[in-house]
């Protein structure tokens, strides 16, 4: 019985160790794919932010639509690249959370709701008149571990941190 517990403990320890390399990398890569895809769609598309400028939360509604479009496009593309290589991961993850909150409130949130039950109908992938804020919530929940835990060991951030700490010793 004791050997079984030791084996289980070693297995869990190995998974924890692999998770520091692969777990956070997998989050970074899927989020980079999604945000990069959105950024390149904006880069090659036409600016529709002017149509929804009044729906942006403060202070973003004060920024001209062309600048908002450029900022969103830039943060999605540069943030995606940063997530892939794991550089500035906490900064870009926090920035993408802000971008996602603005997108959710401007585009994905229901126009009106009178009860929590009606609001929760918007937690969906399709918009049947109740909004569709499920994906933004999922993306934000995936970005939070990157903000709080960092990018993991397979990243330029980890390399820079290890080199910086080594040079201090």
N, C-alpha and C. Protein backbone atom coordinates (compact mmCIF):
# COMPACT_ATOMS: atom_id res chain seq x y z
N UNK A 1 0.83 -1.19 0.00
CA UNK A 1 0.00 0.00 0.00
C UNK A 1 0.87 1.25 0.00
N UNK A 2 1.94 1.24 0.81
CA UNK A 2 2.84 2.37 0.90
C UNK A 2 3.52 2.64 -0.45
N UNK A 3 3.86 1.55 -1.17
CA UNK A 3 4.47 1.71 -2.49
C UNK A 3 3.51 2.35 -3.47
N UNK A 4 2.24 2.02 -3.35
CA UNK A 4 1.23 2.61 -4.23
C UNK A 4 1.14 4.11 -4.01
N UNK A 5 1.16 4.53 -2.74
CA UNK A 5 1.11 5.96 -2.44
C UNK A 5 2.36 6.68 -2.94
N UNK A 6 3.53 6.04 -2.78
CA UNK A 6 4.76 6.65 -3.27
C UNK A 6 4.74 6.77 -4.79
N UNK A 7 4.25 5.76 -5.45
CA UNK A 7 4.15 5.79 -6.90
C UNK A 7 3.18 6.89 -7.35
N UNK A 8 2.05 6.98 -6.68
CA UNK A 8 1.07 8.02 -7.00
C UNK A 8 1.65 9.41 -6.76
N UNK A 9 2.36 9.57 -5.66
CA UNK A 9 2.98 10.85 -5.34
C UNK A 9 4.01 11.24 -6.41
N UNK A 10 4.82 10.27 -6.82
CA UNK A 10 5.82 10.53 -7.87
C UNK A 10 5.15 10.87 -9.20
N UNK A 11 4.06 10.18 -9.50
CA UNK A 11 3.32 10.46 -10.73
C UNK A 11 2.73 11.86 -10.73
N UNK A 12 2.16 12.25 -9.61
CA UNK A 12 1.59 13.59 -9.50
C UNK A 12 2.69 14.64 -9.58
N UNK A 13 3.82 14.37 -8.93
CA UNK A 13 4.95 15.30 -8.99
C UNK A 13 5.44 15.45 -10.44
N UNK A 14 5.51 14.34 -11.17
CA UNK A 14 5.94 14.39 -12.58
C UNK A 14 4.95 15.19 -13.41
N UNK A 15 3.65 14.99 -13.18
CA UNK A 15 2.65 15.77 -13.91
C UNK A 15 2.75 17.25 -13.57
N UNK A 16 2.99 17.58 -12.30
CA UNK A 16 3.17 18.98 -11.92
C UNK A 16 4.35 19.59 -12.66
N UNK A 17 5.44 18.84 -12.74
CA UNK A 17 6.64 19.34 -13.41
C UNK A 17 6.39 19.53 -14.91
N UNK A 18 5.76 18.55 -15.55
CA UNK A 18 5.44 18.66 -16.97
C UNK A 18 4.46 19.81 -17.21
N UNK A 19 3.54 20.00 -16.28
CA UNK A 19 2.58 21.09 -16.40
C UNK A 19 3.22 22.46 -16.45
N UNK A 20 4.35 22.61 -15.73
CA UNK A 20 5.06 23.89 -15.77
C UNK A 20 5.64 24.16 -17.16
N UNK A 21 5.88 23.12 -17.92
CA UNK A 21 6.42 23.28 -19.27
C UNK A 21 5.31 23.27 -20.31
N UNK A 22 4.44 22.29 -20.25
CA UNK A 22 3.46 22.06 -21.32
C UNK A 22 2.10 22.69 -21.03
N UNK A 23 1.64 22.65 -19.79
CA UNK A 23 0.30 23.15 -19.46
C UNK A 23 0.10 24.61 -19.83
N UNK A 24 1.00 25.45 -19.38
CA UNK A 24 0.86 26.88 -19.66
C UNK A 24 1.19 27.19 -21.12
N UNK A 25 2.07 26.41 -21.73
CA UNK A 25 2.35 26.58 -23.16
C UNK A 25 1.10 26.30 -23.97
N UNK A 26 0.35 25.27 -23.60
CA UNK A 26 -0.87 24.96 -24.36
C UNK A 26 -1.89 26.09 -24.27
N UNK A 27 -2.01 26.70 -23.10
CA UNK A 27 -2.89 27.88 -22.97
C UNK A 27 -2.41 29.02 -23.87
N UNK A 28 -1.10 29.27 -23.82
CA UNK A 28 -0.54 30.36 -24.63
C UNK A 28 -0.78 30.13 -26.11
N UNK A 29 -0.60 28.91 -26.58
CA UNK A 29 -0.72 28.63 -28.00
C UNK A 29 -2.16 28.74 -28.50
N UNK A 30 -3.12 28.20 -27.77
CA UNK A 30 -4.51 28.28 -28.23
C UNK A 30 -5.01 29.72 -28.18
N UNK A 31 -4.62 30.46 -27.14
CA UNK A 31 -5.01 31.87 -27.06
C UNK A 31 -4.34 32.68 -28.16
N UNK A 32 -3.08 32.39 -28.45
CA UNK A 32 -2.39 33.09 -29.54
C UNK A 32 -3.08 32.84 -30.87
N UNK A 33 -3.51 31.63 -31.07
CA UNK A 33 -4.23 31.30 -32.32
C UNK A 33 -5.50 32.14 -32.43
N UNK A 34 -6.29 32.16 -31.38
CA UNK A 34 -7.58 32.87 -31.41
C UNK A 34 -7.39 34.39 -31.57
N UNK A 35 -6.52 34.98 -30.76
CA UNK A 35 -6.32 36.43 -30.84
C UNK A 35 -5.59 36.82 -32.13
N UNK A 36 -4.65 36.00 -32.56
CA UNK A 36 -3.96 36.29 -33.81
C UNK A 36 -4.92 36.23 -34.99
N UNK A 37 -5.79 35.25 -35.00
CA UNK A 37 -6.79 35.14 -36.07
C UNK A 37 -7.69 36.37 -36.11
N UNK A 38 -8.14 36.81 -34.93
CA UNK A 38 -8.99 38.00 -34.87
C UNK A 38 -8.23 39.24 -35.33
N UNK A 39 -6.96 39.35 -34.93
CA UNK A 39 -6.15 40.49 -35.33
C UNK A 39 -5.92 40.54 -36.83
N UNK A 40 -5.61 39.39 -37.44
CA UNK A 40 -5.38 39.37 -38.89
C UNK A 40 -6.67 39.59 -39.67
N UNK A 41 -7.81 39.15 -39.13
CA UNK A 41 -9.09 39.48 -39.77
C UNK A 41 -9.31 40.98 -39.77
N UNK A 42 -9.00 41.64 -38.66
CA UNK A 42 -9.12 43.10 -38.62
C UNK A 42 -8.13 43.76 -39.56
N UNK A 43 -6.90 43.26 -39.60
CA UNK A 43 -5.86 43.83 -40.44
C UNK A 43 -6.26 43.81 -41.91
N UNK A 44 -6.91 42.74 -42.34
CA UNK A 44 -7.29 42.60 -43.74
C UNK A 44 -8.75 42.98 -44.02
N UNK A 45 -9.46 43.42 -42.97
CA UNK A 45 -10.87 43.78 -43.14
C UNK A 45 -11.06 45.29 -43.07
N UNK A 46 -12.30 45.66 -43.04
CA UNK A 46 -12.62 47.09 -42.95
C UNK A 46 -13.07 47.42 -41.53
N UNK A 47 -12.81 48.65 -41.13
CA UNK A 47 -13.09 49.11 -39.77
C UNK A 47 -14.60 49.28 -39.58
N UNK A 48 -15.17 48.49 -38.70
CA UNK A 48 -16.58 48.61 -38.36
C UNK A 48 -16.78 49.17 -36.95
N UNK A 49 -15.68 49.62 -36.32
CA UNK A 49 -15.79 50.16 -34.97
C UNK A 49 -16.61 51.44 -34.92
N UNK A 50 -16.61 52.23 -36.00
CA UNK A 50 -17.38 53.47 -36.00
C UNK A 50 -18.87 53.17 -35.79
N UNK A 51 -19.33 52.01 -36.25
CA UNK A 51 -20.74 51.62 -36.10
C UNK A 51 -21.12 51.33 -34.65
N UNK A 52 -20.14 50.98 -33.82
CA UNK A 52 -20.43 50.60 -32.43
C UNK A 52 -19.69 51.48 -31.43
N UNK A 53 -19.10 52.56 -31.88
CA UNK A 53 -18.28 53.42 -31.02
C UNK A 53 -19.04 53.86 -29.76
N UNK A 54 -20.31 54.15 -29.89
CA UNK A 54 -21.09 54.61 -28.73
C UNK A 54 -21.34 53.48 -27.72
N UNK A 55 -21.11 52.23 -28.11
CA UNK A 55 -21.30 51.10 -27.20
C UNK A 55 -20.02 50.77 -26.41
N UNK A 56 -18.89 51.37 -26.79
CA UNK A 56 -17.65 51.12 -26.08
C UNK A 56 -17.74 51.69 -24.67
N UNK A 57 -17.18 51.00 -23.69
CA UNK A 57 -17.16 51.55 -22.33
C UNK A 57 -16.17 52.71 -22.24
N UNK A 58 -16.39 53.56 -21.25
CA UNK A 58 -15.47 54.65 -21.00
C UNK A 58 -14.14 54.06 -20.58
N UNK A 59 -13.00 54.51 -20.95
CA UNK A 59 -12.66 55.68 -21.76
C UNK A 59 -12.52 55.38 -23.24
N UNK A 60 -12.79 54.14 -23.64
CA UNK A 60 -12.58 53.75 -25.03
C UNK A 60 -13.55 54.43 -25.99
N UNK A 61 -14.72 54.83 -25.50
CA UNK A 61 -15.65 55.53 -26.37
C UNK A 61 -15.16 56.94 -26.70
N UNK A 62 -14.18 57.45 -25.94
CA UNK A 62 -13.61 58.77 -26.21
C UNK A 62 -12.52 58.73 -27.27
N UNK A 63 -11.99 57.55 -27.56
CA UNK A 63 -10.92 57.38 -28.53
C UNK A 63 -11.54 57.26 -29.92
N UNK A 64 -10.98 57.92 -30.92
CA UNK A 64 -11.52 57.79 -32.29
C UNK A 64 -11.56 56.33 -32.75
N UNK A 65 -12.57 55.99 -33.52
CA UNK A 65 -12.77 54.61 -33.97
C UNK A 65 -11.56 54.07 -34.72
N UNK A 66 -10.91 54.89 -35.54
CA UNK A 66 -9.73 54.41 -36.28
C UNK A 66 -8.60 54.04 -35.33
N UNK A 67 -8.40 54.83 -34.29
CA UNK A 67 -7.36 54.52 -33.31
C UNK A 67 -7.72 53.27 -32.50
N UNK A 68 -8.99 53.15 -32.10
CA UNK A 68 -9.45 51.94 -31.41
C UNK A 68 -9.20 50.70 -32.27
N UNK A 69 -9.52 50.81 -33.56
CA UNK A 69 -9.33 49.70 -34.49
C UNK A 69 -7.85 49.32 -34.56
N UNK A 70 -6.99 50.32 -34.69
CA UNK A 70 -5.55 50.07 -34.78
C UNK A 70 -5.02 49.46 -33.48
N UNK A 71 -5.48 49.98 -32.34
CA UNK A 71 -5.04 49.43 -31.06
C UNK A 71 -5.48 47.98 -30.88
N UNK A 72 -6.74 47.70 -31.20
CA UNK A 72 -7.24 46.33 -31.07
C UNK A 72 -6.49 45.39 -32.00
N UNK A 73 -6.31 45.81 -33.25
CA UNK A 73 -5.59 44.98 -34.22
C UNK A 73 -4.16 44.73 -33.75
N UNK A 74 -3.49 45.79 -33.33
CA UNK A 74 -2.11 45.66 -32.89
C UNK A 74 -1.95 44.78 -31.68
N UNK A 75 -2.81 44.99 -30.68
CA UNK A 75 -2.69 44.17 -29.47
C UNK A 75 -3.03 42.72 -29.74
N UNK A 76 -3.97 42.46 -30.64
CA UNK A 76 -4.29 41.06 -30.95
C UNK A 76 -3.13 40.38 -31.69
N UNK A 77 -2.52 41.06 -32.64
CA UNK A 77 -1.43 40.45 -33.41
C UNK A 77 -0.14 40.37 -32.57
N UNK A 78 0.27 41.50 -32.00
CA UNK A 78 1.51 41.50 -31.20
C UNK A 78 1.33 40.63 -29.96
N UNK A 79 0.15 40.69 -29.34
CA UNK A 79 -0.12 39.85 -28.18
C UNK A 79 -0.06 38.37 -28.53
N UNK A 80 -0.55 38.00 -29.70
CA UNK A 80 -0.49 36.60 -30.14
C UNK A 80 0.96 36.15 -30.31
N UNK A 81 1.77 36.98 -30.93
CA UNK A 81 3.18 36.65 -31.11
C UNK A 81 3.87 36.53 -29.75
N UNK A 82 3.58 37.47 -28.86
CA UNK A 82 4.18 37.45 -27.52
C UNK A 82 3.77 36.18 -26.76
N UNK A 83 2.53 35.76 -26.91
CA UNK A 83 2.08 34.54 -26.24
C UNK A 83 2.79 33.31 -26.80
N UNK A 84 2.98 33.26 -28.09
CA UNK A 84 3.66 32.11 -28.69
C UNK A 84 5.07 31.96 -28.14
N UNK A 85 5.82 33.06 -28.10
CA UNK A 85 7.21 32.98 -27.64
C UNK A 85 7.35 33.14 -26.14
N UNK A 86 6.27 33.55 -25.48
CA UNK A 86 6.30 33.69 -24.02
C UNK A 86 7.13 34.88 -23.58
N UNK A 87 6.94 36.01 -24.22
CA UNK A 87 7.68 37.23 -23.86
C UNK A 87 6.68 38.32 -23.47
N UNK A 88 6.84 38.88 -22.28
CA UNK A 88 5.89 39.88 -21.79
C UNK A 88 4.52 39.27 -21.58
N UNK A 89 4.51 38.02 -21.20
CA UNK A 89 3.27 37.25 -21.13
C UNK A 89 2.25 37.85 -20.17
N UNK A 90 2.69 38.24 -19.01
CA UNK A 90 1.74 38.81 -18.04
C UNK A 90 1.16 40.12 -18.56
N UNK A 91 2.00 40.99 -19.11
CA UNK A 91 1.52 42.26 -19.65
C UNK A 91 0.53 42.03 -20.78
N UNK A 92 0.88 41.19 -21.75
CA UNK A 92 -0.01 40.98 -22.88
C UNK A 92 -1.28 40.22 -22.48
N UNK A 93 -1.17 39.31 -21.53
CA UNK A 93 -2.38 38.61 -21.06
C UNK A 93 -3.34 39.60 -20.40
N UNK A 94 -2.81 40.48 -19.55
CA UNK A 94 -3.66 41.50 -18.91
C UNK A 94 -4.24 42.44 -19.96
N UNK A 95 -3.43 42.82 -20.95
CA UNK A 95 -3.92 43.70 -22.02
C UNK A 95 -5.02 43.03 -22.83
N UNK A 96 -4.87 41.74 -23.10
CA UNK A 96 -5.89 41.02 -23.86
C UNK A 96 -7.16 40.82 -23.03
N UNK A 97 -7.04 40.76 -21.72
CA UNK A 97 -8.24 40.72 -20.87
C UNK A 97 -8.99 42.04 -21.01
N UNK A 98 -8.28 43.16 -20.94
CA UNK A 98 -8.94 44.47 -21.11
C UNK A 98 -9.60 44.53 -22.48
N UNK A 99 -8.89 44.13 -23.52
CA UNK A 99 -9.45 44.14 -24.87
C UNK A 99 -10.71 43.27 -24.95
N UNK A 100 -10.67 42.12 -24.29
CA UNK A 100 -11.80 41.20 -24.31
C UNK A 100 -13.00 41.76 -23.55
N UNK A 101 -12.74 42.44 -22.43
CA UNK A 101 -13.84 43.07 -21.68
C UNK A 101 -14.51 44.14 -22.55
N UNK A 102 -13.71 44.94 -23.23
CA UNK A 102 -14.27 45.98 -24.11
C UNK A 102 -15.09 45.34 -25.22
N UNK A 103 -14.55 44.28 -25.84
CA UNK A 103 -15.28 43.59 -26.90
C UNK A 103 -16.57 42.97 -26.37
N UNK A 104 -16.50 42.38 -25.18
CA UNK A 104 -17.68 41.75 -24.62
C UNK A 104 -18.77 42.78 -24.34
N UNK A 105 -18.38 43.91 -23.73
CA UNK A 105 -19.37 44.92 -23.40
C UNK A 105 -19.91 45.63 -24.64
N UNK A 106 -19.09 45.73 -25.69
CA UNK A 106 -19.49 46.48 -26.88
C UNK A 106 -20.24 45.62 -27.90
N UNK A 107 -19.87 44.37 -28.02
CA UNK A 107 -20.38 43.53 -29.10
C UNK A 107 -21.17 42.33 -28.59
N UNK A 108 -20.71 41.69 -27.54
CA UNK A 108 -21.26 40.38 -27.14
C UNK A 108 -22.30 40.44 -26.02
N UNK A 109 -22.37 41.57 -25.33
CA UNK A 109 -23.29 41.70 -24.20
C UNK A 109 -24.70 41.94 -24.74
N UNK A 110 -25.73 41.41 -24.08
CA UNK A 110 -27.10 41.67 -24.55
C UNK A 110 -27.45 43.16 -24.43
N UNK A 111 -28.24 43.65 -25.38
CA UNK A 111 -28.61 45.07 -25.37
C UNK A 111 -29.43 45.42 -24.14
N UNK A 112 -30.31 44.52 -23.75
CA UNK A 112 -31.10 44.77 -22.54
C UNK A 112 -31.43 43.43 -21.89
N UNK A 113 -31.57 43.47 -20.59
CA UNK A 113 -31.96 42.30 -19.83
C UNK A 113 -32.59 42.79 -18.54
N UNK A 114 -33.59 42.06 -18.09
CA UNK A 114 -34.32 42.50 -16.91
C UNK A 114 -34.15 41.56 -15.72
N UNK A 115 -33.51 40.44 -15.94
CA UNK A 115 -33.29 39.50 -14.84
C UNK A 115 -31.96 38.77 -15.07
N UNK A 116 -31.46 38.20 -14.02
CA UNK A 116 -30.23 37.42 -14.12
C UNK A 116 -30.43 36.24 -15.07
N UNK A 117 -31.61 35.67 -15.07
CA UNK A 117 -31.92 34.56 -15.97
C UNK A 117 -31.81 34.98 -17.43
N UNK A 118 -32.32 36.17 -17.75
CA UNK A 118 -32.19 36.68 -19.12
C UNK A 118 -30.74 36.94 -19.47
N UNK A 119 -29.98 37.51 -18.53
CA UNK A 119 -28.56 37.77 -18.78
C UNK A 119 -27.82 36.46 -19.05
N UNK A 120 -28.11 35.43 -18.27
CA UNK A 120 -27.42 34.15 -18.42
C UNK A 120 -27.73 33.46 -19.74
N UNK A 121 -28.83 33.85 -20.39
CA UNK A 121 -29.11 33.31 -21.71
C UNK A 121 -28.07 33.78 -22.73
N UNK A 122 -27.37 34.86 -22.42
CA UNK A 122 -26.31 35.36 -23.29
C UNK A 122 -25.03 34.58 -23.17
N UNK A 123 -24.94 33.71 -22.15
CA UNK A 123 -23.76 32.86 -22.02
C UNK A 123 -23.91 31.73 -23.02
N UNK A 124 -23.72 32.09 -24.29
CA UNK A 124 -23.92 31.16 -25.40
C UNK A 124 -22.98 31.52 -26.53
N UNK A 125 -22.86 30.62 -27.49
CA UNK A 125 -22.02 30.88 -28.66
C UNK A 125 -22.80 31.54 -29.79
N UNK A 126 -24.10 31.39 -29.77
CA UNK A 126 -24.92 32.01 -30.81
C UNK A 126 -25.73 33.13 -30.19
N UNK A 127 -26.04 34.13 -31.00
CA UNK A 127 -26.80 35.27 -30.50
C UNK A 127 -28.26 35.11 -30.93
N UNK A 128 -29.08 34.72 -29.99
CA UNK A 128 -30.52 34.59 -30.24
C UNK A 128 -31.26 35.76 -29.60
N UNK A 129 -30.64 36.94 -29.64
CA UNK A 129 -31.24 38.13 -29.06
C UNK A 129 -30.82 38.37 -27.62
N UNK A 130 -29.95 37.53 -27.09
CA UNK A 130 -29.53 37.66 -25.69
C UNK A 130 -28.03 37.94 -25.55
N UNK A 131 -27.36 38.24 -26.66
CA UNK A 131 -25.91 38.39 -26.62
C UNK A 131 -25.25 37.04 -26.80
N UNK A 132 -23.93 37.06 -26.81
CA UNK A 132 -23.17 35.81 -26.93
C UNK A 132 -21.78 36.02 -26.32
N UNK A 133 -21.74 36.02 -25.01
CA UNK A 133 -20.49 36.33 -24.32
C UNK A 133 -19.79 35.10 -23.74
N UNK A 134 -20.13 33.92 -24.19
CA UNK A 134 -19.49 32.71 -23.65
C UNK A 134 -18.01 32.64 -24.01
N UNK A 135 -17.65 32.82 -25.28
CA UNK A 135 -16.24 32.74 -25.67
C UNK A 135 -15.39 33.81 -25.00
N UNK A 136 -15.83 35.07 -24.93
CA UNK A 136 -15.01 36.04 -24.21
C UNK A 136 -14.75 35.65 -22.75
N UNK A 137 -15.75 35.10 -22.09
CA UNK A 137 -15.57 34.66 -20.69
C UNK A 137 -14.56 33.51 -20.64
N UNK A 138 -14.65 32.58 -21.57
CA UNK A 138 -13.70 31.46 -21.60
C UNK A 138 -12.29 31.98 -21.85
N UNK A 139 -12.13 32.89 -22.81
CA UNK A 139 -10.80 33.44 -23.10
C UNK A 139 -10.22 34.15 -21.88
N UNK A 140 -11.04 34.93 -21.19
CA UNK A 140 -10.54 35.62 -20.00
C UNK A 140 -10.13 34.63 -18.92
N UNK A 141 -10.91 33.56 -18.75
CA UNK A 141 -10.55 32.57 -17.73
C UNK A 141 -9.28 31.82 -18.12
N UNK A 142 -8.99 31.73 -19.40
CA UNK A 142 -7.74 31.10 -19.85
C UNK A 142 -6.56 32.06 -19.72
N UNK A 143 -6.81 33.35 -19.83
CA UNK A 143 -5.74 34.34 -19.69
C UNK A 143 -5.34 34.56 -18.22
N UNK A 144 -6.27 34.37 -17.30
CA UNK A 144 -5.97 34.62 -15.89
C UNK A 144 -4.80 33.80 -15.34
N UNK A 145 -4.69 32.50 -15.63
CA UNK A 145 -3.50 31.78 -15.14
C UNK A 145 -2.19 32.35 -15.68
N UNK A 146 -2.22 32.88 -16.89
CA UNK A 146 -1.01 33.47 -17.47
C UNK A 146 -0.66 34.78 -16.77
N UNK A 147 -1.67 35.52 -16.34
CA UNK A 147 -1.41 36.75 -15.58
C UNK A 147 -0.82 36.40 -14.22
N UNK A 148 -1.43 35.45 -13.52
CA UNK A 148 -1.03 35.16 -12.15
C UNK A 148 0.15 34.20 -12.03
N UNK A 149 0.29 33.26 -12.96
CA UNK A 149 1.36 32.26 -12.87
C UNK A 149 2.51 32.54 -13.83
N UNK A 150 2.27 33.37 -14.83
CA UNK A 150 3.29 33.61 -15.83
C UNK A 150 3.17 32.60 -16.96
N UNK A 151 4.16 32.60 -17.86
CA UNK A 151 4.06 31.80 -19.08
C UNK A 151 4.47 30.35 -18.96
N UNK A 152 5.05 29.97 -17.83
CA UNK A 152 5.60 28.63 -17.70
C UNK A 152 7.07 28.62 -18.07
N UNK A 153 7.67 27.45 -17.97
CA UNK A 153 9.12 27.35 -18.15
C UNK A 153 9.56 27.38 -19.61
N UNK A 154 8.69 26.99 -20.52
CA UNK A 154 9.05 26.98 -21.93
C UNK A 154 8.67 28.33 -22.55
N UNK A 155 9.45 29.36 -22.17
CA UNK A 155 9.14 30.72 -22.61
C UNK A 155 10.38 31.59 -22.55
N UNK A 156 10.36 32.67 -23.29
CA UNK A 156 11.45 33.63 -23.21
C UNK A 156 11.44 34.36 -21.87
N UNK A 157 10.26 34.57 -21.31
CA UNK A 157 10.19 35.20 -19.98
C UNK A 157 10.96 34.38 -18.95
N UNK A 158 10.79 33.06 -18.98
CA UNK A 158 11.50 32.20 -18.02
C UNK A 158 13.01 32.25 -18.27
N UNK A 159 13.40 32.27 -19.54
CA UNK A 159 14.83 32.35 -19.86
C UNK A 159 15.42 33.67 -19.37
N UNK A 160 14.70 34.78 -19.63
CA UNK A 160 15.18 36.09 -19.18
C UNK A 160 15.27 36.13 -17.66
N UNK A 161 14.26 35.61 -17.00
CA UNK A 161 14.26 35.60 -15.53
C UNK A 161 15.42 34.76 -14.99
N UNK A 162 15.65 33.59 -15.57
CA UNK A 162 16.75 32.74 -15.11
C UNK A 162 18.10 33.40 -15.36
N UNK A 163 18.25 34.04 -16.50
CA UNK A 163 19.51 34.72 -16.82
C UNK A 163 19.72 35.91 -15.90
N UNK A 164 18.67 36.67 -15.67
CA UNK A 164 18.76 37.86 -14.81
C UNK A 164 19.11 37.45 -13.38
N UNK A 165 18.45 36.42 -12.86
CA UNK A 165 18.73 35.96 -11.50
C UNK A 165 20.13 35.37 -11.39
N UNK A 166 20.58 34.68 -12.45
CA UNK A 166 21.93 34.10 -12.44
C UNK A 166 22.98 35.22 -12.41
N UNK A 167 22.72 36.30 -13.17
CA UNK A 167 23.67 37.41 -13.21
C UNK A 167 23.73 38.18 -11.89
N UNK A 168 22.66 38.12 -11.10
CA UNK A 168 22.65 38.79 -9.79
C UNK A 168 23.48 38.04 -8.76
N UNK A 169 23.62 36.74 -8.94
CA UNK A 169 24.34 35.91 -7.95
C UNK A 169 25.84 36.07 -8.05
